[in-house]
């Protein structure tokens, strides 16, 4: 991907935050589906 890129140390926290936000969104979707199923 961006191996060796000078901005990689700055980009990594952003990618981590986006991954965490994506996981949170997926969890919210799963919880909504479970509530709807009840």
C-alpha atoms as a PDB file:
ATOM      1  CA  UNK A   1       0.000   0.000   0.000  1.00  0.00           C
ATOM      2  CA  UNK A   2       1.942   3.041   1.266  1.00  0.00           C
ATOM      3  CA  UNK A   3       4.929   1.122   2.626  1.00  0.00           C
ATOM      4  CA  UNK A   4       7.876   3.429   3.093  1.00  0.00           C
ATOM      5  CA  UNK A   5       5.756   6.513   2.509  1.00  0.00           C
ATOM      6  CA  UNK A   6       6.980   9.448   4.645  1.00  0.00           C
ATOM      7  CA  UNK A   7       3.428  10.217   5.801  1.00  0.00           C
ATOM      8  CA  UNK A   8       2.723   6.633   6.868  1.00  0.00           C
ATOM      9  CA  UNK A   9       3.241   7.365  10.616  1.00  0.00           C
ATOM     10  CA  UNK A  10       0.663  10.162  10.298  1.00  0.00           C
ATOM     11  CA  UNK A  11      -1.747   8.113   8.191  1.00  0.00           C
ATOM     12  CA  UNK A  12      -1.754   5.076  10.498  1.00  0.00           C
ATOM     13  CA  UNK A  13      -3.741   6.713  13.368  1.00  0.00           C
ATOM     14  CA  UNK A  14      -6.282   7.973  10.809  1.00  0.00           C
ATOM     15  CA  UNK A  15      -6.669   4.475   9.361  1.00  0.00           C
ATOM     16  CA  UNK A  16      -7.034   3.050  12.886  1.00  0.00           C
ATOM     17  CA  UNK A  17      -9.750   5.577  13.712  1.00  0.00           C
ATOM     18  CA  UNK A  18     -11.601   4.807  10.482  1.00  0.00           C
ATOM     19  CA  UNK A  19     -11.388   1.071  11.242  1.00  0.00           C
ATOM     20  CA  UNK A  20     -12.727   1.632  14.775  1.00  0.00           C
ATOM     21  CA  UNK A  21     -15.556   3.781  13.411  1.00  0.00           C
ATOM     22  CA  UNK A  22     -16.379   1.092  10.838  1.00  0.00           C
ATOM     23  CA  UNK A  23     -16.471  -1.571  13.575  1.00  0.00           C
ATOM     24  CA  UNK A  24     -18.720   0.648  15.700  1.00  0.00           C
ATOM     25  CA  UNK A  25     -21.049   1.210  12.744  1.00  0.00           C
ATOM     26  CA  UNK A  26     -21.166  -2.538  12.077  1.00  0.00           C
ATOM     27  CA  UNK A  27     -21.981  -3.155  15.753  1.00  0.00           C
ATOM     28  CA  UNK A  28     -24.772  -0.558  15.603  1.00  0.00           C
ATOM     29  CA  UNK A  29     -26.200  -2.243  12.493  1.00  0.00           C
ATOM     30  CA  UNK A  30     -26.044  -5.653  14.184  1.00  0.00           C
ATOM     31  CA  UNK A  31     -27.773  -4.320  17.294  1.00  0.00           C
ATOM     32  CA  UNK A  32     -30.492  -2.715  15.156  1.00  0.00           C
ATOM     33  CA  UNK A  33     -31.046  -5.991  13.312  1.00  0.00           C
ATOM     34  CA  UNK A  34     -31.292  -7.884  16.606  1.00  0.00           C
ATOM     35  CA  UNK A  35     -33.796  -5.376  17.986  1.00  0.00           C
ATOM     36  CA  UNK A  36     -35.879  -5.571  14.817  1.00  0.00           C
ATOM     37  CA  UNK A  37     -35.862  -9.374  14.984  1.00  0.00           C
ATOM     38  CA  UNK A  38     -37.332  -9.394  18.519  1.00  0.00           C
END
